[in-house]
């Protein structure tokens, strides 16, 4: 449905371009033709600049979108005292930092998930430190943690 409207707008754009060319026909056909060629070059330049603007805008918004998302980084992991403790930090924390739906996936080949038994959060100067505690697990192979940070689903690899 968008194509016919786009085509009509394009036809209007082209007709307005040629109408400006025909107005100068009385000055001589060669001058009129040369002026139309100049107008065509200007319209191509305008479209090129418009496309460059759109590309730069998309890249800029993509970069902003990537930096806004929380990026948890594993800081510590241990398997002592019959529990698994994982500490991660996030240097893009705001005043409100919530963590929910925390699950440990101990190996990439296992479908078993372990929910967290406790979650402790501290935020200081825009950096969140989160300590996660899980039940005791003995076998690990590329462990990962899935969780929601401020309502957005996130996943990170556990450092060993």
N, C-alpha and C. Protein backbone atom coordinates (compact mmCIF):
# COMPACT_ATOMS: atom_id res chain seq x y z
N UNK A 1 0.81 -1.18 0.00
CA UNK A 1 0.00 0.00 0.00
C UNK A 1 0.87 1.26 0.00
N UNK A 2 2.08 1.16 0.56
CA UNK A 2 2.96 2.31 0.61
C UNK A 2 3.58 2.63 -0.74
N UNK A 3 3.69 1.64 -1.62
CA UNK A 3 4.35 1.88 -2.91
C UNK A 3 3.56 2.84 -3.80
N UNK A 4 2.23 2.70 -3.96
CA UNK A 4 1.51 3.65 -4.82
C UNK A 4 1.63 5.08 -4.32
N UNK A 5 1.55 5.29 -3.02
CA UNK A 5 1.68 6.64 -2.47
C UNK A 5 3.07 7.17 -2.75
N UNK A 6 4.08 6.32 -2.52
CA UNK A 6 5.46 6.74 -2.80
C UNK A 6 5.63 7.09 -4.27
N UNK A 7 5.03 6.30 -5.16
CA UNK A 7 5.12 6.56 -6.60
C UNK A 7 4.46 7.87 -6.97
N UNK A 8 3.30 8.15 -6.36
CA UNK A 8 2.62 9.41 -6.63
C UNK A 8 3.46 10.60 -6.17
N UNK A 9 4.06 10.49 -5.00
CA UNK A 9 4.90 11.57 -4.51
C UNK A 9 6.10 11.76 -5.43
N UNK A 10 6.67 10.69 -5.88
CA UNK A 10 7.81 10.77 -6.79
C UNK A 10 7.41 11.43 -8.11
N UNK A 11 6.22 11.04 -8.63
CA UNK A 11 5.74 11.65 -9.87
C UNK A 11 5.52 13.15 -9.68
N UNK A 12 4.99 13.55 -8.53
CA UNK A 12 4.78 14.97 -8.26
C UNK A 12 6.12 15.69 -8.21
N UNK A 13 7.10 15.08 -7.56
CA UNK A 13 8.44 15.66 -7.46
C UNK A 13 9.05 15.86 -8.84
N UNK A 14 8.96 14.86 -9.71
CA UNK A 14 9.52 14.93 -11.06
C UNK A 14 8.77 15.98 -11.88
N UNK A 15 7.42 16.01 -11.77
CA UNK A 15 6.66 16.98 -12.57
C UNK A 15 6.98 18.41 -12.15
N UNK A 16 7.18 18.64 -10.84
CA UNK A 16 7.53 19.99 -10.40
C UNK A 16 8.92 20.35 -10.91
N UNK A 17 9.79 19.39 -11.00
CA UNK A 17 11.14 19.62 -11.52
C UNK A 17 11.07 20.04 -12.99
N UNK A 18 10.30 19.29 -13.80
CA UNK A 18 10.23 19.61 -15.21
C UNK A 18 9.44 20.88 -15.48
N UNK A 19 8.49 21.21 -14.64
CA UNK A 19 7.75 22.46 -14.85
C UNK A 19 8.68 23.65 -14.68
N UNK A 20 9.63 23.55 -13.74
CA UNK A 20 10.59 24.65 -13.60
C UNK A 20 11.52 24.72 -14.81
N UNK A 21 11.77 23.59 -15.46
CA UNK A 21 12.60 23.60 -16.66
C UNK A 21 11.86 24.24 -17.83
N UNK A 22 10.56 23.95 -17.98
CA UNK A 22 9.79 24.45 -19.10
C UNK A 22 9.54 25.94 -19.00
N UNK A 23 9.56 26.51 -17.82
CA UNK A 23 9.31 27.94 -17.66
C UNK A 23 10.41 28.75 -18.34
N UNK A 24 11.59 28.22 -18.43
CA UNK A 24 12.71 28.95 -19.01
C UNK A 24 12.92 28.61 -20.48
N UNK A 25 11.98 27.98 -21.12
CA UNK A 25 12.14 27.56 -22.51
C UNK A 25 12.26 28.75 -23.45
N UNK A 26 11.64 29.87 -23.09
CA UNK A 26 11.66 31.04 -23.96
C UNK A 26 13.07 31.65 -24.07
N UNK A 27 13.96 31.34 -23.15
CA UNK A 27 15.31 31.90 -23.19
C UNK A 27 16.20 31.15 -24.17
N UNK A 28 15.70 30.12 -24.75
CA UNK A 28 16.49 29.35 -25.70
C UNK A 28 16.58 27.90 -25.23
N UNK A 29 16.48 26.98 -26.18
CA UNK A 29 16.40 25.58 -25.79
C UNK A 29 17.69 25.09 -25.16
N UNK A 30 18.85 25.58 -25.60
CA UNK A 30 20.12 25.11 -25.05
C UNK A 30 20.29 25.56 -23.61
N UNK A 31 19.98 26.83 -23.32
CA UNK A 31 20.06 27.33 -21.94
C UNK A 31 19.07 26.61 -21.03
N UNK A 32 17.88 26.38 -21.57
CA UNK A 32 16.85 25.68 -20.79
C UNK A 32 17.32 24.27 -20.44
N UNK A 33 17.90 23.59 -21.42
CA UNK A 33 18.38 22.23 -21.20
C UNK A 33 19.53 22.23 -20.19
N UNK A 34 20.44 23.20 -20.30
CA UNK A 34 21.56 23.28 -19.37
C UNK A 34 21.07 23.56 -17.95
N UNK A 35 20.06 24.44 -17.81
CA UNK A 35 19.51 24.74 -16.49
C UNK A 35 18.84 23.50 -15.89
N UNK A 36 18.14 22.73 -16.72
CA UNK A 36 17.51 21.51 -16.23
C UNK A 36 18.56 20.51 -15.75
N UNK A 37 19.67 20.42 -16.46
CA UNK A 37 20.76 19.53 -16.05
C UNK A 37 21.34 19.98 -14.71
N UNK A 38 21.48 21.27 -14.50
CA UNK A 38 21.99 21.79 -13.23
C UNK A 38 21.02 21.48 -12.10
N UNK A 39 19.72 21.65 -12.37
CA UNK A 39 18.72 21.33 -11.35
C UNK A 39 18.75 19.84 -11.02
N UNK A 40 18.95 19.00 -12.02
CA UNK A 40 19.02 17.57 -11.80
C UNK A 40 20.22 17.22 -10.91
N UNK A 41 21.36 17.85 -11.17
CA UNK A 41 22.54 17.61 -10.34
C UNK A 41 22.28 18.05 -8.91
N UNK A 42 21.61 19.18 -8.72
CA UNK A 42 21.32 19.65 -7.37
C UNK A 42 20.38 18.69 -6.65
N UNK A 43 19.39 18.15 -7.38
CA UNK A 43 18.46 17.23 -6.73
C UNK A 43 19.17 15.93 -6.35
N UNK A 44 20.14 15.48 -7.17
CA UNK A 44 20.91 14.29 -6.82
C UNK A 44 21.76 14.54 -5.58
N UNK A 45 22.37 15.74 -5.52
CA UNK A 45 23.16 16.10 -4.35
C UNK A 45 22.30 16.11 -3.10
N UNK A 46 21.10 16.66 -3.24
CA UNK A 46 20.18 16.73 -2.10
C UNK A 46 19.81 15.33 -1.62
N UNK A 47 19.51 14.43 -2.57
CA UNK A 47 19.17 13.07 -2.17
C UNK A 47 20.34 12.37 -1.52
N UNK A 48 21.55 12.60 -2.03
CA UNK A 48 22.75 11.98 -1.44
C UNK A 48 22.94 12.47 -0.02
N UNK A 49 22.83 13.77 0.19
CA UNK A 49 22.98 14.32 1.55
C UNK A 49 21.89 13.79 2.48
N UNK A 50 20.70 13.66 1.95
CA UNK A 50 19.59 13.13 2.75
C UNK A 50 19.87 11.68 3.16
N UNK A 51 20.38 10.88 2.22
CA UNK A 51 20.71 9.48 2.53
C UNK A 51 21.84 9.40 3.55
N UNK A 52 22.85 10.25 3.40
CA UNK A 52 23.95 10.27 4.36
C UNK A 52 23.43 10.64 5.75
N UNK A 53 22.54 11.61 5.81
CA UNK A 53 21.94 11.99 7.09
C UNK A 53 21.21 10.81 7.72
N UNK A 54 20.41 10.08 6.93
CA UNK A 54 19.68 8.93 7.46
C UNK A 54 20.63 7.84 7.97
N UNK A 55 21.70 7.58 7.22
CA UNK A 55 22.66 6.54 7.63
C UNK A 55 23.35 6.94 8.93
N UNK A 56 23.78 8.20 9.02
CA UNK A 56 24.44 8.67 10.25
C UNK A 56 23.48 8.60 11.43
N UNK A 57 22.22 8.95 11.22
CA UNK A 57 21.22 8.89 12.29
C UNK A 57 21.02 7.46 12.76
N UNK A 58 20.91 6.51 11.84
CA UNK A 58 20.72 5.10 12.21
C UNK A 58 21.91 4.58 13.00
N UNK A 59 23.11 4.90 12.56
CA UNK A 59 24.31 4.45 13.27
C UNK A 59 24.35 5.06 14.67
N UNK A 60 24.06 6.34 14.78
CA UNK A 60 24.06 7.02 16.09
C UNK A 60 23.04 6.39 17.03
N UNK A 61 21.82 6.14 16.56
CA UNK A 61 20.81 5.55 17.42
C UNK A 61 21.15 4.10 17.80
N UNK A 62 21.79 3.38 16.91
CA UNK A 62 22.23 2.02 17.22
C UNK A 62 23.27 2.02 18.33
N UNK A 63 24.23 2.93 18.25
CA UNK A 63 25.26 3.03 19.28
C UNK A 63 24.63 3.38 20.62
N UNK A 64 23.70 4.32 20.63
CA UNK A 64 23.03 4.68 21.87
C UNK A 64 22.25 3.49 22.42
N UNK A 65 21.56 2.76 21.55
CA UNK A 65 20.80 1.60 21.99
C UNK A 65 21.68 0.52 22.60
N UNK A 66 22.86 0.34 22.05
CA UNK A 66 23.77 -0.68 22.58
C UNK A 66 24.36 -0.27 23.92
N UNK A 67 24.61 1.01 24.11
CA UNK A 67 25.23 1.44 25.37
C UNK A 67 24.23 1.56 26.50
N UNK A 68 22.94 1.69 26.18
CA UNK A 68 21.94 1.84 27.23
C UNK A 68 21.68 0.52 27.94
N UNK A 69 21.75 -0.59 27.23
CA UNK A 69 21.47 -1.88 27.83
C UNK A 69 22.51 -2.22 28.90
N UNK A 70 22.03 -2.89 29.92
CA UNK A 70 22.92 -3.30 31.01
C UNK A 70 23.92 -4.33 30.51
N UNK A 71 25.16 -4.18 30.95
CA UNK A 71 26.23 -5.10 30.57
C UNK A 71 26.86 -5.68 31.83
N UNK A 72 26.28 -6.75 32.36
CA UNK A 72 26.89 -7.35 33.55
C UNK A 72 28.22 -8.00 33.22
N UNK A 73 29.18 -7.83 34.11
CA UNK A 73 30.51 -8.43 33.95
C UNK A 73 30.83 -9.24 35.20
N UNK A 74 31.17 -10.49 34.96
CA UNK A 74 31.49 -11.38 36.06
C UNK A 74 32.78 -10.93 36.75
N UNK A 75 32.74 -10.86 38.09
CA UNK A 75 33.91 -10.46 38.87
C UNK A 75 34.46 -11.60 39.73
N UNK A 76 33.59 -12.51 40.11
CA UNK A 76 34.07 -13.59 40.95
C UNK A 76 33.13 -14.79 40.95
N UNK A 77 33.72 -15.97 41.19
CA UNK A 77 32.96 -17.22 41.21
C UNK A 77 33.64 -18.16 42.19
N UNK A 78 32.84 -18.75 43.08
CA UNK A 78 33.41 -19.81 43.92
C UNK A 78 32.33 -20.83 44.23
N UNK A 79 32.80 -22.01 44.61
CA UNK A 79 31.93 -23.14 44.86
C UNK A 79 32.23 -23.71 46.25
N UNK A 80 32.36 -22.82 47.25
CA UNK A 80 32.70 -23.22 48.61
C UNK A 80 31.46 -23.23 49.50
N UNK A 81 31.59 -23.87 50.67
CA UNK A 81 30.55 -23.88 51.70
C UNK A 81 29.21 -24.41 51.21
N UNK A 82 29.26 -25.42 50.35
CA UNK A 82 28.05 -26.06 49.84
C UNK A 82 27.10 -25.09 49.13
N UNK A 83 27.67 -24.12 48.45
CA UNK A 83 26.88 -23.19 47.65
C UNK A 83 27.76 -22.61 46.55
N UNK A 84 27.11 -22.09 45.52
CA UNK A 84 27.80 -21.43 44.42
C UNK A 84 27.55 -19.93 44.58
N UNK A 85 28.64 -19.16 44.60
CA UNK A 85 28.51 -17.71 44.73
C UNK A 85 29.13 -17.05 43.49
N UNK A 86 28.36 -16.17 42.88
CA UNK A 86 28.81 -15.45 41.70
C UNK A 86 28.61 -13.95 41.97
N UNK A 87 29.65 -13.19 41.71
CA UNK A 87 29.58 -11.73 41.89
C UNK A 87 29.78 -11.09 40.52
N UNK A 88 28.86 -10.17 40.16
CA UNK A 88 29.04 -9.43 38.92
C UNK A 88 28.81 -7.95 39.16
N UNK A 89 29.37 -7.13 38.28
CA UNK A 89 29.20 -5.68 38.37
C UNK A 89 28.59 -5.16 37.07
N UNK A 90 27.97 -4.01 37.19
CA UNK A 90 27.40 -3.32 36.05
C UNK A 90 27.70 -1.84 36.23
N UNK A 91 28.53 -1.28 35.36
CA UNK A 91 28.94 0.11 35.54
C UNK A 91 27.97 1.11 34.91
N UNK A 92 26.82 0.65 34.43
CA UNK A 92 25.81 1.54 33.87
C UNK A 92 24.55 1.53 34.72
N UNK A 93 24.73 1.38 36.02
CA UNK A 93 23.58 1.31 36.92
C UNK A 93 23.02 2.71 37.18
N UNK A 94 21.73 2.78 37.35
CA UNK A 94 21.06 4.03 37.72
C UNK A 94 20.70 3.92 39.21
N UNK A 95 19.92 4.87 39.67
CA UNK A 95 19.50 4.84 41.08
C UNK A 95 18.68 3.60 41.39
N UNK A 96 17.81 3.21 40.45
CA UNK A 96 16.99 2.02 40.65
C UNK A 96 17.60 0.87 39.85
N UNK A 97 17.98 -0.19 40.53
CA UNK A 97 18.60 -1.34 39.88
C UNK A 97 17.96 -2.60 40.46
N UNK A 98 17.17 -3.28 39.66
CA UNK A 98 16.49 -4.49 40.13
C UNK A 98 16.98 -5.69 39.35
N UNK A 99 17.08 -6.80 40.03
CA UNK A 99 17.50 -8.07 39.42
C UNK A 99 16.44 -9.10 39.79
N UNK A 100 15.96 -9.84 38.79
CA UNK A 100 14.95 -10.86 39.03
C UNK A 100 15.14 -12.02 38.06
N UNK A 101 14.39 -13.09 38.28
CA UNK A 101 14.42 -14.29 37.42
C UNK A 101 15.83 -14.80 37.19
N UNK A 102 16.62 -14.91 38.25
CA UNK A 102 18.02 -15.32 38.15
C UNK A 102 18.11 -16.85 38.09
N UNK A 103 18.81 -17.35 37.08
CA UNK A 103 19.00 -18.79 36.93
C UNK A 103 20.42 -19.08 36.50
N UNK A 104 21.00 -20.11 37.07
CA UNK A 104 22.33 -20.58 36.71
C UNK A 104 22.19 -21.78 35.78
N UNK A 105 22.89 -21.71 34.65
CA UNK A 105 22.96 -22.84 33.71
C UNK A 105 24.40 -23.34 33.80
N UNK A 106 24.65 -24.46 34.53
CA UNK A 106 26.03 -24.88 34.79
C UNK A 106 26.80 -25.39 33.58
N UNK A 107 26.12 -25.89 32.56
CA UNK A 107 26.85 -26.37 31.39
C UNK A 107 26.03 -26.11 30.14
N UNK A 108 26.73 -25.93 29.04
CA UNK A 108 26.06 -25.64 27.78
C UNK A 108 25.31 -26.85 27.22
N UNK A 109 25.72 -28.05 27.60
CA UNK A 109 25.07 -29.25 27.08
C UNK A 109 23.93 -29.73 27.97
N UNK A 110 23.82 -29.18 29.17
CA UNK A 110 22.75 -29.58 30.09
C UNK A 110 21.61 -28.57 30.03
N UNK A 111 20.39 -29.06 30.12
CA UNK A 111 19.23 -28.18 30.12
C UNK A 111 18.80 -27.82 31.54
N UNK A 112 19.53 -28.29 32.52
CA UNK A 112 19.18 -28.04 33.92
C UNK A 112 19.49 -26.59 34.29
N UNK A 113 18.54 -25.94 34.96
CA UNK A 113 18.72 -24.57 35.45
C UNK A 113 18.49 -24.56 36.95
N UNK A 114 19.30 -23.77 37.64
CA UNK A 114 19.18 -23.65 39.10
C UNK A 114 18.78 -22.21 39.45
N UNK A 115 17.64 -22.04 40.11
CA UNK A 115 17.25 -20.68 40.52
C UNK A 115 18.13 -20.20 41.67
N UNK A 116 18.32 -18.89 41.76
CA UNK A 116 19.14 -18.31 42.82
C UNK A 116 18.44 -18.45 44.17
N UNK A 117 19.23 -18.76 45.21
CA UNK A 117 18.67 -18.82 46.56
C UNK A 117 18.71 -17.45 47.23
N UNK A 118 19.63 -16.57 46.79
CA UNK A 118 19.64 -15.19 47.30
C UNK A 118 20.30 -14.26 46.30
N UNK A 119 19.87 -13.00 46.35
CA UNK A 119 20.40 -11.95 45.48
C UNK A 119 20.63 -10.71 46.34
N UNK A 120 21.88 -10.23 46.38
CA UNK A 120 22.21 -9.02 47.13
C UNK A 120 22.72 -7.97 46.16
N UNK A 121 22.16 -6.75 46.24
CA UNK A 121 22.52 -5.68 45.32
C UNK A 121 22.99 -4.46 46.11
N UNK A 122 24.12 -3.89 45.69
CA UNK A 122 24.56 -2.60 46.22
C UNK A 122 24.93 -1.71 45.04
N UNK A 123 24.52 -0.44 45.11
CA UNK A 123 24.82 0.52 44.05
C UNK A 123 25.57 1.69 44.67
N UNK A 124 26.76 1.95 44.13
CA UNK A 124 27.57 3.08 44.59
C UNK A 124 28.15 3.80 43.38
N UNK A 125 27.86 5.08 43.28
CA UNK A 125 28.40 5.94 42.22
C UNK A 125 28.18 5.37 40.82
N UNK A 126 26.99 4.87 40.57
CA UNK A 126 26.64 4.37 39.25
C UNK A 126 27.14 2.97 38.92
N UNK A 127 27.75 2.31 39.90
CA UNK A 127 28.23 0.94 39.69
C UNK A 127 27.46 0.00 40.61
N UNK A 128 26.80 -0.97 40.03
CA UNK A 128 26.06 -1.96 40.81
C UNK A 128 26.92 -3.20 41.01
N UNK A 129 26.95 -3.69 42.24
CA UNK A 129 27.62 -4.96 42.55
C UNK A 129 26.55 -5.92 43.03
N UNK A 130 26.45 -7.05 42.35
CA UNK A 130 25.40 -8.02 42.66
C UNK A 130 26.05 -9.34 43.04
N UNK A 131 25.64 -9.87 44.19
CA UNK A 131 26.11 -11.17 44.66
C UNK A 131 24.96 -12.16 44.55
N UNK A 132 25.18 -13.20 43.76
CA UNK A 132 24.18 -14.24 43.55
C UNK A 132 24.62 -15.52 44.25
N UNK A 133 23.69 -16.17 44.92
CA UNK A 133 23.98 -17.44 45.59
C UNK A 133 23.05 -18.50 45.02
N UNK A 134 23.64 -19.67 44.71
CA UNK A 134 22.89 -20.79 44.14
C UNK A 134 23.16 -22.03 44.96
N UNK A 135 22.31 -23.09 44.79
CA UNK A 135 22.61 -24.36 45.45
C UNK A 135 23.93 -24.94 44.96
N UNK A 136 24.51 -25.83 45.74
CA UNK A 136 25.80 -26.44 45.42
C UNK A 136 25.70 -27.25 44.13
N UNK A 137 26.60 -26.97 43.18
CA UNK A 137 26.69 -27.69 41.91
C UNK A 137 28.14 -28.11 41.75
N UNK A 138 28.37 -29.34 41.27
CA UNK A 138 29.74 -29.84 41.20
C UNK A 138 30.34 -29.82 39.80
N UNK A 139 29.53 -29.87 38.74
CA UNK A 139 30.07 -29.93 37.39
C UNK A 139 29.71 -28.67 36.61
N UNK A 140 30.76 -28.05 36.03
CA UNK A 140 30.58 -26.84 35.24
C UNK A 140 31.28 -26.99 33.90
N UNK A 141 30.64 -26.49 32.85
CA UNK A 141 31.23 -26.43 31.53
C UNK A 141 30.62 -25.23 30.82
N UNK A 142 31.39 -24.15 30.75
CA UNK A 142 30.90 -22.89 30.19
C UNK A 142 29.60 -22.43 30.85
N UNK A 143 29.62 -22.24 32.16
CA UNK A 143 28.39 -21.84 32.85
C UNK A 143 27.94 -20.43 32.46
N UNK A 144 26.62 -20.22 32.52
CA UNK A 144 26.02 -18.93 32.21
C UNK A 144 24.95 -18.60 33.23
N UNK A 145 24.67 -17.32 33.36
CA UNK A 145 23.58 -16.87 34.22
C UNK A 145 22.61 -16.08 33.36
N UNK A 146 21.32 -16.42 33.46
CA UNK A 146 20.28 -15.63 32.81
C UNK A 146 19.51 -14.90 33.90
N UNK A 147 19.13 -13.67 33.61
CA UNK A 147 18.43 -12.86 34.60
C UNK A 147 17.76 -11.68 33.93
N UNK A 148 16.96 -10.97 34.70
CA UNK A 148 16.33 -9.73 34.23
C UNK A 148 16.90 -8.58 35.04
N UNK A 149 17.43 -7.58 34.33
CA UNK A 149 17.96 -6.39 34.98
C UNK A 149 17.03 -5.24 34.60
N UNK A 150 16.38 -4.68 35.61
CA UNK A 150 15.39 -3.61 35.39
C UNK A 150 14.35 -4.03 34.35
N UNK A 151 13.96 -5.30 34.40
CA UNK A 151 12.92 -5.82 33.51
C UNK A 151 13.41 -6.32 32.17
N UNK A 152 14.67 -6.07 31.80
CA UNK A 152 15.19 -6.53 30.51
C UNK A 152 16.01 -7.81 30.70
N UNK A 153 15.71 -8.79 29.85
CA UNK A 153 16.41 -10.06 29.94
C UNK A 153 17.86 -9.92 29.53
N UNK A 154 18.74 -10.54 30.30
CA UNK A 154 20.17 -10.47 30.03
C UNK A 154 20.80 -11.82 30.32
N UNK A 155 21.99 -12.03 29.74
CA UNK A 155 22.71 -13.29 29.92
C UNK A 155 24.20 -12.98 29.94
N UNK A 156 24.95 -13.62 30.81
CA UNK A 156 26.39 -13.44 30.80
C UNK A 156 27.08 -14.74 31.16
N UNK A 157 28.32 -14.86 30.68
CA UNK A 157 29.13 -16.04 30.98
C UNK A 157 29.76 -15.87 32.34
N UNK A 158 29.82 -16.95 33.08
CA UNK A 158 30.40 -16.95 34.41
C UNK A 158 31.92 -17.13 34.29
N UNK A 159 32.65 -16.27 34.99
CA UNK A 159 34.12 -16.41 34.99
C UNK A 159 34.50 -17.56 35.93
N UNK A 160 35.54 -18.29 35.58
CA UNK A 160 35.96 -19.41 36.42
C UNK A 160 37.40 -19.28 36.80
